Amino acid sequence: MEGFSGVGGRRKKLNPKNRLEIAESVLSRRKSAAEMAWLYGVNQPTVSRIIAEHRRKLGKGHAQQP
């Protein structure tokens, strides 16, 4: 099959910049999760996953000092 890359699944609706804006807006309490979901045309569980992913990334950047 020509043009088939072998990668499955849907394309991401949000680019990394959008995902970061959602996470930062909700975590800073400038906007609610519901507002950001409506603004970007995604479901609220999607916003929750984006926030959880953002928190995990932040946690990995702060390693424990001995």
N, C-alpha and C. Protein backbone atom coordinates (compact mmCIF):
# COMPACT_ATOMS: atom_id res chain seq x y z
N MET A 1 0.83 -1.17 0.00
CA MET A 1 0.00 0.00 0.00
C MET A 1 0.88 1.24 0.00
N GLU A 2 0.76 2.02 -1.02
CA GLU A 2 1.58 3.20 -1.16
C GLU A 2 1.17 4.29 -0.16
N GLY A 3 2.15 4.90 0.48
CA GLY A 3 1.88 5.97 1.42
C GLY A 3 1.49 5.51 2.82
N PHE A 4 1.49 4.21 3.04
CA PHE A 4 1.12 3.69 4.36
C PHE A 4 2.35 3.66 5.24
N SER A 5 2.30 4.33 6.36
CA SER A 5 3.47 4.41 7.25
C SER A 5 3.48 3.33 8.30
N GLY A 6 2.36 2.60 8.45
CA GLY A 6 2.31 1.55 9.45
C GLY A 6 1.95 2.04 10.84
N VAL A 7 1.71 3.32 10.99
CA VAL A 7 1.36 3.88 12.28
C VAL A 7 -0.16 3.99 12.36
N GLY A 8 -0.74 3.43 13.42
CA GLY A 8 -2.18 3.45 13.55
C GLY A 8 -2.69 4.57 14.42
N GLY A 9 -3.98 4.67 14.50
CA GLY A 9 -4.61 5.65 15.38
C GLY A 9 -4.95 6.94 14.68
N ARG A 10 -5.70 7.75 15.41
CA ARG A 10 -6.12 9.04 14.89
C ARG A 10 -5.03 10.08 15.04
N ARG A 11 -5.10 11.08 14.20
CA ARG A 11 -4.18 12.20 14.36
C ARG A 11 -4.60 13.00 15.58
N LYS A 12 -3.63 13.62 16.21
CA LYS A 12 -3.91 14.46 17.37
C LYS A 12 -4.67 15.70 16.91
N LYS A 13 -5.71 16.06 17.63
CA LYS A 13 -6.49 17.24 17.30
C LYS A 13 -5.77 18.50 17.76
N LEU A 14 -4.98 18.37 18.81
CA LEU A 14 -4.29 19.51 19.41
C LEU A 14 -2.79 19.38 19.24
N ASN A 15 -2.15 20.45 18.85
CA ASN A 15 -0.69 20.42 18.75
C ASN A 15 -0.09 20.66 20.14
N PRO A 16 1.21 20.45 20.28
CA PRO A 16 1.83 20.61 21.61
C PRO A 16 1.64 21.99 22.22
N LYS A 17 1.62 23.04 21.41
CA LYS A 17 1.42 24.39 21.92
C LYS A 17 0.02 24.53 22.53
N ASN A 18 -1.00 23.98 21.84
CA ASN A 18 -2.37 24.03 22.35
C ASN A 18 -2.48 23.26 23.67
N ARG A 19 -1.84 22.08 23.72
CA ARG A 19 -1.90 21.24 24.91
C ARG A 19 -1.27 21.97 26.11
N LEU A 20 -0.16 22.64 25.87
CA LEU A 20 0.50 23.40 26.93
C LEU A 20 -0.38 24.55 27.39
N GLU A 21 -1.00 25.25 26.47
CA GLU A 21 -1.88 26.36 26.82
C GLU A 21 -3.07 25.88 27.66
N ILE A 22 -3.63 24.75 27.29
CA ILE A 22 -4.74 24.19 28.07
C ILE A 22 -4.29 23.88 29.49
N ALA A 23 -3.18 23.15 29.61
CA ALA A 23 -2.70 22.74 30.93
C ALA A 23 -2.39 23.96 31.80
N GLU A 24 -1.68 24.93 31.24
CA GLU A 24 -1.29 26.09 32.03
C GLU A 24 -2.50 26.95 32.41
N SER A 25 -3.45 27.08 31.50
CA SER A 25 -4.65 27.89 31.79
C SER A 25 -5.48 27.28 32.91
N VAL A 26 -5.64 25.97 32.88
CA VAL A 26 -6.45 25.31 33.90
C VAL A 26 -5.70 25.27 35.23
N LEU A 27 -4.43 24.93 35.20
CA LEU A 27 -3.67 24.83 36.45
C LEU A 27 -3.48 26.18 37.13
N SER A 28 -3.43 27.26 36.35
CA SER A 28 -3.29 28.59 36.94
C SER A 28 -4.64 29.18 37.31
N ARG A 29 -5.71 28.45 37.00
CA ARG A 29 -7.09 28.83 37.31
C ARG A 29 -7.58 30.06 36.53
N ARG A 30 -6.90 30.34 35.40
CA ARG A 30 -7.40 31.42 34.53
C ARG A 30 -8.68 30.99 33.83
N LYS A 31 -8.75 29.70 33.47
CA LYS A 31 -9.91 29.13 32.80
C LYS A 31 -10.23 27.79 33.45
N SER A 32 -11.49 27.38 33.33
CA SER A 32 -11.87 26.07 33.85
C SER A 32 -11.61 25.01 32.78
N ALA A 33 -11.59 23.76 33.19
CA ALA A 33 -11.42 22.66 32.25
C ALA A 33 -12.56 22.67 31.24
N ALA A 34 -13.76 22.96 31.70
CA ALA A 34 -14.92 22.99 30.79
C ALA A 34 -14.77 24.09 29.74
N GLU A 35 -14.28 25.26 30.17
CA GLU A 35 -14.08 26.36 29.22
C GLU A 35 -13.04 26.00 28.16
N MET A 36 -11.95 25.40 28.60
CA MET A 36 -10.89 25.05 27.65
C MET A 36 -11.34 23.94 26.70
N ALA A 37 -12.12 23.01 27.22
CA ALA A 37 -12.65 21.94 26.37
C ALA A 37 -13.53 22.54 25.28
N TRP A 38 -14.41 23.46 25.67
CA TRP A 38 -15.31 24.10 24.71
C TRP A 38 -14.52 24.92 23.69
N LEU A 39 -13.54 25.67 24.18
CA LEU A 39 -12.74 26.54 23.33
C LEU A 39 -11.99 25.76 22.24
N TYR A 40 -11.46 24.60 22.61
CA TYR A 40 -10.67 23.81 21.66
C TYR A 40 -11.45 22.67 21.00
N GLY A 41 -12.72 22.54 21.35
CA GLY A 41 -13.55 21.54 20.69
C GLY A 41 -13.20 20.11 21.06
N VAL A 42 -12.84 19.90 22.31
CA VAL A 42 -12.52 18.56 22.80
C VAL A 42 -13.41 18.26 24.01
N ASN A 43 -13.41 17.02 24.45
CA ASN A 43 -14.19 16.62 25.62
C ASN A 43 -13.42 16.94 26.90
N GLN A 44 -14.17 17.08 28.01
CA GLN A 44 -13.52 17.36 29.29
C GLN A 44 -12.54 16.26 29.72
N PRO A 45 -12.82 14.97 29.47
CA PRO A 45 -11.83 13.96 29.82
C PRO A 45 -10.50 14.15 29.06
N THR A 46 -10.57 14.69 27.86
CA THR A 46 -9.35 14.97 27.10
C THR A 46 -8.54 16.04 27.83
N VAL A 47 -9.20 17.06 28.32
CA VAL A 47 -8.51 18.12 29.07
C VAL A 47 -7.89 17.53 30.34
N SER A 48 -8.61 16.65 31.01
CA SER A 48 -8.07 16.00 32.22
C SER A 48 -6.82 15.20 31.90
N ARG A 49 -6.82 14.49 30.79
CA ARG A 49 -5.63 13.71 30.39
C ARG A 49 -4.45 14.64 30.07
N ILE A 50 -4.74 15.76 29.40
CA ILE A 50 -3.68 16.72 29.08
C ILE A 50 -3.06 17.27 30.36
N ILE A 51 -3.89 17.60 31.35
CA ILE A 51 -3.39 18.13 32.62
C ILE A 51 -2.55 17.08 33.35
N ALA A 52 -3.03 15.84 33.38
CA ALA A 52 -2.29 14.76 34.04
C ALA A 52 -0.94 14.54 33.36
N GLU A 53 -0.92 14.56 32.04
CA GLU A 53 0.32 14.39 31.29
C GLU A 53 1.28 15.55 31.60
N HIS A 54 0.77 16.74 31.66
CA HIS A 54 1.59 17.92 31.98
C HIS A 54 2.20 17.79 33.38
N ARG A 55 1.39 17.36 34.35
CA ARG A 55 1.89 17.19 35.71
C ARG A 55 2.98 16.12 35.77
N ARG A 56 2.80 15.02 35.02
CA ARG A 56 3.82 13.97 34.99
C ARG A 56 5.14 14.51 34.44
N LYS A 57 5.05 15.30 33.37
CA LYS A 57 6.26 15.88 32.78
C LYS A 57 6.94 16.83 33.75
N LEU A 58 6.16 17.61 34.47
CA LEU A 58 6.75 18.52 35.46
C LEU A 58 7.42 17.75 36.58
N GLY A 59 6.81 16.65 37.00
CA GLY A 59 7.37 15.82 38.07
C GLY A 59 8.70 15.20 37.69
N LYS A 60 8.85 14.81 36.44
CA LYS A 60 10.10 14.21 35.98
C LYS A 60 11.23 15.23 35.92
N GLY A 61 10.90 16.49 35.75
CA GLY A 61 11.91 17.53 35.67
C GLY A 61 12.48 17.93 37.02
N HIS A 62 11.84 17.49 38.10
CA HIS A 62 12.29 17.86 39.44
C HIS A 62 12.74 16.61 40.18
N ALA A 63 13.95 16.15 39.88
CA ALA A 63 14.48 14.95 40.53
C ALA A 63 14.84 15.26 41.99
N GLN A 64 14.73 14.25 42.82
CA GLN A 64 15.07 14.40 44.24
C GLN A 64 16.58 14.60 44.39
N GLN A 65 16.95 15.55 45.23
CA GLN A 65 18.37 15.78 45.53
C GLN A 65 18.79 14.86 46.68
N PRO A 66 19.98 14.25 46.59
CA PRO A 66 20.42 13.36 47.69
C PRO A 66 20.76 14.11 48.94
